[in-house]
Protein backbone atom coordinates (compact mmCIF):
# COMPACT_ATOMS: atom_id res chain seq x y z
CA MET A 1 0.00 0.00 0.00
CA PHE A 2 1.39 3.39 -1.00
CA VAL A 3 0.18 5.99 1.48
CA LEU A 4 0.27 9.73 0.83
CA CYS A 5 -0.53 10.52 4.43
CA LEU A 6 -0.56 8.11 7.32
CA LEU A 7 -2.34 8.95 10.56
CA TYR A 8 -2.48 6.93 13.74
CA ASP A 9 -3.90 6.85 17.25
CA VAL A 10 -7.49 7.84 16.67
CA LEU A 11 -7.78 10.98 18.74
CA CYS A 12 -10.38 13.54 17.76
CA CYS A 13 -7.75 15.86 16.26
CA GLU A 14 -6.30 13.13 14.05
CA CYS A 15 -9.78 11.92 13.08
CA ILE A 16 -10.75 15.38 11.88
CA LEU A 17 -7.55 15.79 9.87
CA SER A 18 -7.99 12.33 8.39
CA GLY A 19 -11.44 13.34 7.16
CA LEU A 20 -10.30 16.71 5.79
CA LEU A 21 -7.33 15.24 3.93
CA SER A 22 -9.31 12.29 2.57
CA ILE A 23 -11.84 14.71 1.04
CA CYS A 24 -8.99 16.13 -1.02
CA GLY A 25 -7.99 12.75 -2.39
CA LYS A 26 -5.18 11.89 -0.01
CA LYS A 27 -4.68 8.14 0.35
CA VAL A 28 -4.75 7.54 4.10
CA LEU A 29 -4.00 4.62 6.38
CA HIS A 30 -5.10 5.12 9.98
CA ILE A 31 -3.38 2.89 12.55
CA ASP A 32 -4.40 2.76 16.22
CA ARG A 33 -2.72 0.73 18.94
CA ASN A 34 -6.02 0.57 20.84
CA PRO A 35 -8.79 -1.97 20.12
CA TYR A 36 -11.27 0.94 20.10
CA SER A 37 -11.41 4.37 18.47
CA GLY A 38 -10.95 7.53 20.50
CA GLY A 39 -7.61 6.94 22.22
CA GLU A 40 -6.97 9.39 25.04
CA SER A 41 -10.25 11.18 24.33
CA ALA A 42 -12.44 8.07 24.09
CA SER A 43 -15.97 7.78 25.46
CA ILE A 44 -16.00 4.83 27.85
CA SER A 45 -19.00 2.49 27.96
CA PRO A 46 -20.25 0.51 29.80
CA LEU A 47 -19.58 2.04 33.20
CA GLU A 48 -17.80 -1.11 34.35
CA GLU A 49 -15.04 -0.37 31.82
CA LEU A 50 -14.43 3.02 33.42
CA TYR A 51 -14.00 1.36 36.82
CA LYS A 52 -11.55 -1.13 35.30
CA ARG A 53 -9.60 1.61 33.53
CA PHE A 54 -9.01 3.42 36.81
CA GLN A 55 -8.41 0.11 38.63
CA PHE A 56 -11.38 0.34 40.97
CA PRO A 57 -12.25 -3.05 42.46
CA GLY A 58 -15.72 -4.53 42.07
CA ASN A 59 -18.70 -3.31 40.07
CA PRO A 60 -20.56 -0.01 40.56
CA LYS A 61 -23.72 -0.34 42.66
CA GLY A 62 -26.89 1.71 42.37
CA MET A 63 -25.75 3.40 39.15
CA GLY A 64 -28.31 1.98 36.75
CA GLN A 65 -27.39 -0.14 33.76
CA GLY A 66 -23.72 0.18 32.83
CA LYS A 67 -24.49 0.35 29.11
CA GLU A 68 -26.44 3.59 29.64
CA TRP A 69 -23.23 5.40 30.55
CA ASN A 70 -20.91 7.07 28.00
CA VAL A 71 -18.16 8.85 29.93
CA ASP A 72 -15.74 11.11 28.04
CA LEU A 73 -12.19 10.93 29.37
CA ILE A 74 -11.52 14.45 28.04
CA PRO A 75 -14.87 16.22 27.73
CA LYS A 76 -15.05 19.36 25.63
CA PHE A 77 -17.93 21.50 24.34
CA LEU A 78 -18.32 23.01 20.87
CA LEU A 79 -18.99 26.71 20.39
CA SER A 80 -22.01 26.79 18.09
CA SER A 81 -20.35 29.34 15.76
CA GLY A 82 -16.84 28.00 16.28
CA GLN A 83 -14.33 26.44 13.89
CA LEU A 84 -15.21 22.83 14.65
CA VAL A 85 -18.91 23.34 13.88
CA LYS A 86 -17.89 24.98 10.59
CA MET A 87 -15.76 21.92 9.80
CA LEU A 88 -18.68 19.63 10.61
CA LEU A 89 -21.00 21.61 8.35
CA CYS A 90 -18.56 21.93 5.44
CA THR A 91 -17.63 18.24 5.47
CA GLU A 92 -21.28 17.20 6.03
CA VAL A 93 -20.24 15.18 9.09
CA MET A 94 -23.10 16.95 10.89
CA ARG A 95 -25.53 14.57 9.16
CA TYR A 96 -24.09 11.70 11.22
CA LEU A 97 -24.51 13.50 14.56
CA ASP A 98 -27.16 14.85 16.89
CA PHE A 99 -26.37 17.74 19.24
CA LYS A 100 -28.09 19.37 22.17
CA VAL A 101 -27.43 22.81 23.56
CA VAL A 102 -25.65 22.98 26.91
CA GLU A 103 -28.20 24.52 29.28
CA GLY A 104 -26.14 27.25 30.93
CA SER A 105 -22.79 29.04 31.29
CA TYR A 106 -21.62 30.20 34.69
CA VAL A 107 -18.71 31.92 36.40
CA TYR A 108 -17.43 31.54 39.96
CA LYS A 109 -17.10 34.57 42.20
CA GLY A 110 -16.82 34.91 45.96
CA GLY A 111 -17.40 31.21 46.63
CA LYS A 112 -20.61 31.04 44.57
CA VAL A 113 -21.63 30.17 41.01
CA HIS A 114 -23.26 33.00 39.03
CA LYS A 115 -25.03 32.95 35.66
CA LEU A 116 -22.82 34.54 33.03
CA PRO A 117 -24.68 37.67 31.85
CA VAL A 118 -24.80 38.44 28.15
CA THR A 119 -28.43 39.24 27.28
CA GLU A 120 -30.05 42.51 28.34
CA ALA A 121 -32.22 40.76 30.93
CA GLU A 122 -29.28 38.83 32.41
CA ILE A 123 -27.14 41.98 32.66
CA HIS A 124 -29.97 43.82 34.40
CA SER A 125 -30.50 41.10 37.02
CA SER A 126 -26.86 40.03 37.47
CA ASP A 127 -25.24 40.30 40.89
CA LEU A 128 -21.76 40.04 39.34
CA MET A 129 -21.52 43.82 38.96
CA GLY A 130 -22.95 47.06 40.22
CA MET A 131 -25.38 49.40 38.45
CA PHE A 132 -22.74 51.63 36.84
CA ASP A 133 -20.64 48.67 35.65
CA LYS A 134 -23.75 47.17 34.05
CA ARG A 135 -24.16 50.27 31.91
CA ARG A 136 -20.46 50.23 30.94
CA PHE A 137 -20.52 46.50 30.24
CA ARG A 138 -23.47 47.00 27.87
CA LYS A 139 -21.45 49.61 25.99
CA LEU A 140 -18.50 47.20 25.69
CA LEU A 141 -20.74 44.43 24.31
CA LEU A 142 -22.34 46.87 21.85
CA PHE A 143 -18.87 47.93 20.67
CA ILE A 144 -17.82 44.29 20.19
CA ARG A 145 -21.06 43.33 18.41
CA ASN A 146 -20.60 46.21 15.95
CA PHE A 147 -16.84 45.74 15.53
CA GLU A 148 -15.73 44.82 12.00
CA GLU A 149 -12.03 44.31 11.36
CA GLN A 150 -12.33 45.66 7.81
CA ASP A 151 -14.24 48.79 8.86
CA PRO A 152 -12.14 51.38 10.80
CA ARG A 153 -15.34 53.32 11.55
CA THR A 154 -16.18 50.64 14.15
CA TYR A 155 -12.86 51.01 16.03
CA GLN A 156 -13.94 53.97 18.23
CA ASP A 157 -10.48 55.55 17.76
CA MET A 158 -8.71 52.41 19.04
CA ASN A 159 -6.24 50.60 16.78
CA PRO A 160 -7.05 46.86 17.25
CA ASN A 161 -3.49 45.90 16.32
CA ARG A 162 -1.84 48.29 18.77
CA THR A 163 -4.32 49.08 21.54
CA THR A 164 -4.05 46.51 24.34
CA MET A 165 -7.09 44.87 25.89
CA ARG A 166 -6.19 46.51 29.17
CA GLU A 167 -6.55 49.89 27.43
CA VAL A 168 -9.91 48.83 25.96
CA PHE A 169 -11.23 47.95 29.42
CA HIS A 170 -9.91 51.28 30.71
CA HIS A 171 -11.62 53.06 27.80
CA PHE A 172 -14.97 51.67 28.98
CA ASP A 173 -14.03 52.26 32.64
CA LEU A 174 -14.79 48.68 33.69
CA GLY A 175 -14.06 47.39 37.19
CA CYS A 176 -11.77 44.47 38.00
CA ASP A 177 -14.64 42.01 38.52
CA VAL A 178 -16.11 42.74 35.09
CA VAL A 179 -12.70 42.55 33.44
CA GLU A 180 -12.15 39.17 35.09
CA PHE A 181 -15.27 37.40 33.85
CA THR A 182 -15.19 39.15 30.47
CA GLY A 183 -11.65 38.01 29.68
CA HIS A 184 -11.92 34.50 31.09
CA ALA A 185 -15.57 33.46 30.69
CA LEU A 186 -16.42 35.34 27.47
CA GLY A 187 -12.97 35.68 25.90
CA LEU A 188 -12.03 32.17 27.14
CA HIS A 189 -8.46 33.17 27.98
CA CYS A 190 -6.55 30.77 30.24
CA ASN A 191 -4.44 33.46 31.94
CA ASP A 192 -4.05 37.24 32.07
CA ASP A 193 -1.34 37.60 29.41
CA TYR A 194 -3.98 38.82 26.95
CA LEU A 195 -4.40 42.09 28.86
CA ASP A 196 -1.13 43.48 27.51
CA GLU A 197 -1.52 42.09 23.99
CA PRO A 198 -3.26 43.79 21.03
CA CYS A 199 -7.02 43.68 21.59
CA LEU A 200 -8.00 42.28 18.18
CA GLN A 201 -7.88 38.60 19.13
CA THR A 202 -9.79 39.11 22.37
CA ILE A 203 -12.46 41.14 20.57
CA LYS A 204 -12.80 38.28 18.07
CA ARG A 205 -13.05 35.74 20.88
CA ILE A 206 -15.80 37.65 22.70
CA LYS A 207 -17.61 38.28 19.41
CA LEU A 208 -17.50 34.53 18.70
CA TYR A 209 -18.94 33.80 22.15
CA VAL A 210 -21.75 36.34 21.71
CA GLU A 211 -22.58 35.08 18.20
CA SER A 212 -22.59 31.48 19.42
CA LEU A 213 -24.92 32.41 22.27
CA ALA A 214 -27.28 34.21 19.88
CA ARG A 215 -27.88 31.00 17.92
CA TYR A 216 -29.73 29.16 20.68
CA GLY A 217 -30.12 31.61 23.56
CA HIS A 218 -29.36 29.43 26.60
CA SER A 219 -25.64 28.86 26.10
CA PRO A 220 -23.04 29.18 23.31
CA TYR A 221 -22.06 25.51 23.70
CA LEU A 222 -23.17 22.32 21.98
CA TYR A 223 -22.46 18.72 22.98
CA PRO A 224 -23.08 15.52 20.98
CA VAL A 225 -25.85 13.16 22.07
CA TYR A 226 -24.13 9.98 23.36
CA GLY A 227 -20.84 11.81 23.97
CA LEU A 228 -17.72 12.90 22.09
CA GLY A 229 -17.10 9.39 20.81
CA GLU A 230 -19.82 10.16 18.28
CA LEU A 231 -17.74 13.06 16.96
CA ALA A 232 -14.79 10.79 16.22
CA GLN A 233 -17.13 8.21 14.69
CA GLY A 234 -18.63 10.86 12.41
CA PHE A 235 -15.25 11.73 10.93
CA ILE A 236 -14.40 8.03 10.69
CA ARG A 237 -17.54 7.52 8.57
CA LEU A 238 -16.56 10.49 6.38
CA SER A 239 -13.04 9.12 5.99
CA ALA A 240 -14.29 5.62 5.16
CA LEU A 241 -16.48 7.06 2.38
CA ASN A 242 -13.34 8.64 0.94
CA GLY A 243 -11.23 5.48 1.00
CA VAL A 244 -9.39 5.74 4.32
CA THR A 245 -8.22 2.37 5.67
CA TYR A 246 -8.45 1.74 9.42
CA MET A 247 -6.39 -0.72 11.43
CA LEU A 248 -7.27 -0.95 15.12
CA ASN A 249 -5.33 -2.94 17.71
CA HIS A 250 -2.06 -2.58 15.75
CA GLN A 251 1.18 -1.66 17.48
CA VAL A 252 3.64 0.66 15.72
CA ASP A 253 7.15 -0.72 16.16
CA ASP A 254 9.29 1.75 14.25
CA ILE A 255 9.25 4.87 12.09
CA ILE A 256 11.62 4.36 9.16
CA MET A 257 13.56 7.38 7.93
CA ASP A 258 15.64 7.96 4.78
CA ASN A 259 17.87 11.03 4.51
CA GLY A 260 15.99 12.72 7.35
CA ARG A 261 12.50 12.13 5.95
CA VAL A 262 9.86 9.57 6.87
CA VAL A 263 9.40 6.80 4.29
CA ALA A 264 7.57 4.01 6.13
CA VAL A 265 6.15 2.66 9.37
CA GLU A 266 6.66 -0.86 10.70
CA SER A 267 3.79 -2.52 12.52
CA GLN A 268 3.40 -5.81 14.39
CA GLY A 269 6.98 -6.75 13.53
CA GLU A 270 6.09 -7.87 10.03
CA GLN A 271 4.11 -5.21 8.18
CA THR A 272 5.69 -2.18 6.49
CA PHE A 273 3.56 0.70 5.27
CA HIS A 274 5.21 3.28 3.00
CA CYS A 275 4.19 6.91 3.29
CA LYS A 276 5.17 10.43 2.29
CA GLN A 277 3.79 12.12 5.39
CA LEU A 278 3.08 10.94 8.90
CA LEU A 279 0.68 12.51 11.39
CA CYS A 280 0.65 11.26 14.98
CA ASP A 281 -0.04 12.16 18.56
CA PRO A 282 2.86 12.76 20.98
CA SER A 283 2.87 9.23 22.41
CA TYR A 284 4.13 7.81 19.10
CA ALA A 285 7.01 10.24 18.70
CA PRO A 286 8.47 10.86 22.20
CA SER A 287 11.78 12.12 20.81
CA ARG A 288 10.00 14.83 18.79
CA VAL A 289 8.05 16.45 21.64
CA LYS A 290 8.72 18.25 24.90
CA ARG A 291 6.69 18.55 28.08
CA VAL A 292 5.34 22.03 28.79
CA GLY A 293 3.15 21.21 31.77
CA GLN A 294 0.55 18.85 33.19
CA VAL A 295 -3.25 18.73 33.35
CA ILE A 296 -5.36 17.20 36.10
CA ARG A 297 -8.88 16.00 35.34
CA VAL A 298 -11.30 14.60 37.89
CA ILE A 299 -14.34 12.76 36.53
CA CYS A 300 -17.19 12.82 39.06
CA LEU A 301 -20.40 10.79 38.98
CA LEU A 302 -23.33 12.58 40.62
CA ASN A 303 -27.00 11.97 41.34
CA HIS A 304 -27.88 15.67 41.46
CA PRO A 305 -27.31 18.88 39.42
CA ILE A 306 -24.72 21.43 40.53
CA ARG A 307 -25.94 23.97 43.07
CA ASN A 308 -26.93 27.45 41.83
CA THR A 309 -27.25 26.31 38.19
CA ASP A 310 -31.07 26.34 38.10
CA ASP A 311 -31.07 22.51 38.16
CA ALA A 312 -29.46 22.46 34.72
CA GLY A 313 -28.96 19.04 33.14
CA SER A 314 -25.74 20.35 31.56
CA CYS A 315 -23.60 23.39 32.21
CA HIS A 316 -20.18 25.00 31.91
CA ILE A 317 -18.46 26.77 34.83
CA ILE A 318 -15.23 28.77 34.87
CA ILE A 319 -13.39 29.63 38.06
CA PRO A 320 -11.14 32.58 37.06
CA LEU A 321 -7.58 32.41 38.32
CA ALA A 322 -7.79 35.59 40.42
CA GLN A 323 -10.58 34.09 42.54
CA LEU A 324 -8.15 31.50 43.92
CA ASN A 325 -4.85 33.38 43.53
CA ARG A 326 -3.75 31.02 40.75
CA LYS A 327 -1.95 31.39 37.42
CA SER A 328 -4.61 29.50 35.42
CA ASP A 329 -8.35 28.95 35.49
CA ILE A 330 -10.26 25.92 36.75
CA TYR A 331 -12.94 24.49 34.45
CA ILE A 332 -16.04 22.45 35.22
CA CYS A 333 -18.27 20.88 32.60
CA MET A 334 -21.30 18.77 33.35
CA VAL A 335 -23.53 16.58 31.16
CA SER A 336 -26.18 14.05 32.09
CA TYR A 337 -29.05 11.86 31.01
CA THR A 338 -30.29 14.84 28.94
CA HIS A 339 -27.46 14.07 26.47
CA ASN A 340 -27.96 10.28 26.74
CA VAL A 341 -24.62 9.76 28.47
CA ALA A 342 -26.03 8.57 31.81
CA PRO A 343 -29.17 6.91 33.23
CA ASP A 344 -32.11 9.06 34.32
CA GLY A 345 -31.23 11.24 37.30
CA LYS A 346 -27.46 10.75 36.93
CA TYR A 347 -24.83 13.37 36.01
CA ILE A 348 -21.19 13.42 34.90
CA ALA A 349 -19.08 16.42 35.92
CA VAL A 350 -15.40 16.92 35.16
CA VAL A 351 -13.10 19.40 36.92
CA SER A 352 -9.86 20.26 35.10
CA THR A 353 -6.97 22.69 35.37
CA THR A 354 -3.31 23.14 34.54
CA VAL A 355 -1.14 21.76 37.34
CA GLU A 356 0.79 24.44 39.24
CA THR A 357 1.97 22.67 42.41
CA SER A 358 3.14 19.28 43.68
CA ASN A 359 -0.36 18.58 45.00
CA PRO A 360 -2.69 18.69 41.95
CA GLU A 361 -5.71 17.20 43.74
CA LYS A 362 -5.66 20.03 46.26
CA GLU A 363 -5.68 22.53 43.38
CA VAL A 364 -9.05 21.29 42.08
CA GLN A 365 -10.72 21.12 45.51
CA PRO A 366 -12.61 24.44 45.01
CA GLY A 367 -14.20 22.92 41.90
CA LEU A 368 -14.93 19.60 43.59
CA ALA A 369 -16.54 21.43 46.52
CA LEU A 370 -19.20 22.78 44.12
CA LEU A 371 -20.16 19.21 43.17
CA GLU A 372 -20.60 17.66 46.60
CA PRO A 373 -21.77 15.06 47.37
CA VAL A 374 -19.88 12.98 44.76
CA ILE A 375 -20.80 9.30 44.30
CA GLN A 376 -17.47 8.35 42.71
CA LYS A 377 -14.51 10.22 41.31
CA PHE A 378 -11.72 9.20 38.93
CA VAL A 379 -8.50 11.23 38.91
CA SER A 380 -6.09 11.43 35.99
CA ILE A 381 -2.95 13.55 35.54
CA SER A 382 -1.50 13.79 32.03
CA ASN A 383 1.47 15.55 30.51
CA LEU A 384 1.03 18.49 28.17
CA MET A 385 3.26 17.74 25.19
CA THR A 386 4.11 19.95 22.23
CA PRO A 387 6.25 19.24 19.13
CA ILE A 388 9.82 20.57 19.12
CA ASP A 389 9.75 21.40 15.39
CA ASP A 390 7.21 22.05 12.64
CA GLY A 391 7.78 18.68 10.92
CA ARG A 392 8.38 20.10 7.45
CA ARG A 393 11.87 18.64 7.09
CA SER A 394 11.06 15.16 8.40
CA GLN A 395 7.41 15.21 7.19
CA ILE A 396 6.45 13.87 10.62
CA PHE A 397 3.73 16.09 12.03
CA VAL A 398 2.93 15.75 15.72
CA SER A 399 -0.23 17.14 17.31
CA ARG A 400 -0.35 18.82 20.70
CA SER A 401 -1.80 17.24 23.83
CA TYR A 402 -5.27 18.28 24.98
CA ASP A 403 -5.12 21.24 27.34
CA ALA A 404 -7.27 21.84 30.44
CA THR A 405 -9.92 23.94 28.67
CA THR A 406 -13.40 22.50 28.17
CA HIS A 407 -13.99 23.78 24.64
CA PHE A 408 -12.52 22.87 21.24
CA GLU A 409 -11.13 26.23 20.12
CA THR A 410 -7.54 25.37 21.13
CA GLU A 411 -7.72 22.05 19.28
CA CYS A 412 -9.12 23.79 16.18
CA LYS A 413 -6.14 26.13 16.25
CA ASP A 414 -3.85 23.09 16.34
CA ILE A 415 -5.76 21.48 13.44
CA ASN A 416 -5.37 24.62 11.34
CA ASP A 417 -1.68 24.79 12.25
CA LEU A 418 -1.16 21.14 11.23
CA LEU A 419 -3.07 21.66 7.98
CA TRP A 420 -0.92 24.69 7.19
CA ARG A 421 2.28 22.74 7.78
CA MET A 422 1.10 19.68 5.85
CA THR A 423 -0.68 21.28 2.89
CA GLY A 424 0.13 25.00 2.90
CA SER A 425 -3.56 25.79 3.48
CA GLU A 426 -5.55 26.84 6.52
CA PHE A 427 -9.16 25.76 6.99
CA ILE A 428 -10.83 28.20 4.63
CA PHE A 429 -12.76 25.44 3.01
CA GLU A 430 -12.92 26.65 -0.59
CA ASP A 431 -9.23 27.60 -0.57
CA PHE A 432 -8.42 24.31 1.16
CA HIS A 433 -10.04 22.37 -1.68
CA ARG A 434 -8.16 24.36 -4.34
CA GLU A 435 -4.80 23.86 -2.60
CA CYS A 436 -5.35 20.10 -2.28
CA GLU A 437 -6.42 19.76 -5.91
CA ALA A 438 -3.32 21.66 -7.04
CA ASP A 439 -1.16 19.44 -4.83
CA LEU A 440 -2.69 16.30 -6.36
CA ASP A 441 -2.21 17.64 -9.90
CA ASN A 442 1.50 18.09 -9.17
């Protein structure tokens, strides 16, 4: 088999790229060491398998039928106007999936969860800010809604490529509390570095959040019915229609190089697959990545909704770093029987953050405290790995590890970066098609 592009370990990122490249006629072989698709980001079912994975003795009691559970190891939501939804629509993978809107978005302040205000009614009733800040916050949102990068008349005398976000907040005279939830819960920044960077990217991020919220009204986030495993399966179906070959439960023994470039992969000690390009996750190329941090995730099984979330069957909560004197935010996402991932009356909540100390479990305690009582929890700590080069010389392209955030925008950035390095095209779908066709003609 002659392979133009070989991908392995079926993580969501690699699945998406496999589908995008196969659309453009790339001949793809997809190898996975696991006997199931999903890898590190798999949805685990039945529940007994989750207990086995985390080496819990015995079988879960009083948790309903195990087959009714689909537990994501790395849960993430989709912004309804975000890049991943655009990819799903353009590739028609959306026809294989059903989504439901996440019921609410919240932010933590002063030891309590508060509804994140964006609509006029929510701003008016919010206890996150005082009367004067409400008026100023409305003006900021109006400015962002009307902002158009190509129209200087919408800049309000601020250069988006030079004016910092700190200066924008000062321009609207916003207090620290409003700045905090605006930058972290609307702009989805992980730390405060953005404050001293040009404001353009933050304005785009908040605009994306507001536009995503406007689609459905309750929340900007979507989540697949039956869990994120369905997302990977959707791209697998797309890839299969375009001739991608899948090999599960196959070990990769060696990556064969010739004059500094990848030429083949050896599998199972006896099979050799030739390729021009290789795409993989960090676990397959340990010498080509470096560790830049760690992420702790705690999966919690509940029999109740989270307090102060209006009994929502699903929700997203951000604990901004300043609330706990940290360097990074803490994230909580919760889904339940409303998304067909648990039996009636049962909930799955995951608390995640970037590790900052030698006691990661203590770091997530403020998030866990919001979930009490917890029936069972499963703790995982994983390394954050990033490639040490762009892969153009070796033609080995390594994806980044999943970060602590509970949305897909970071992963979409990585997908676009990988596409650019592999094909010379970002995900502007029409341009992407033209670039691939030109590449095939050559």
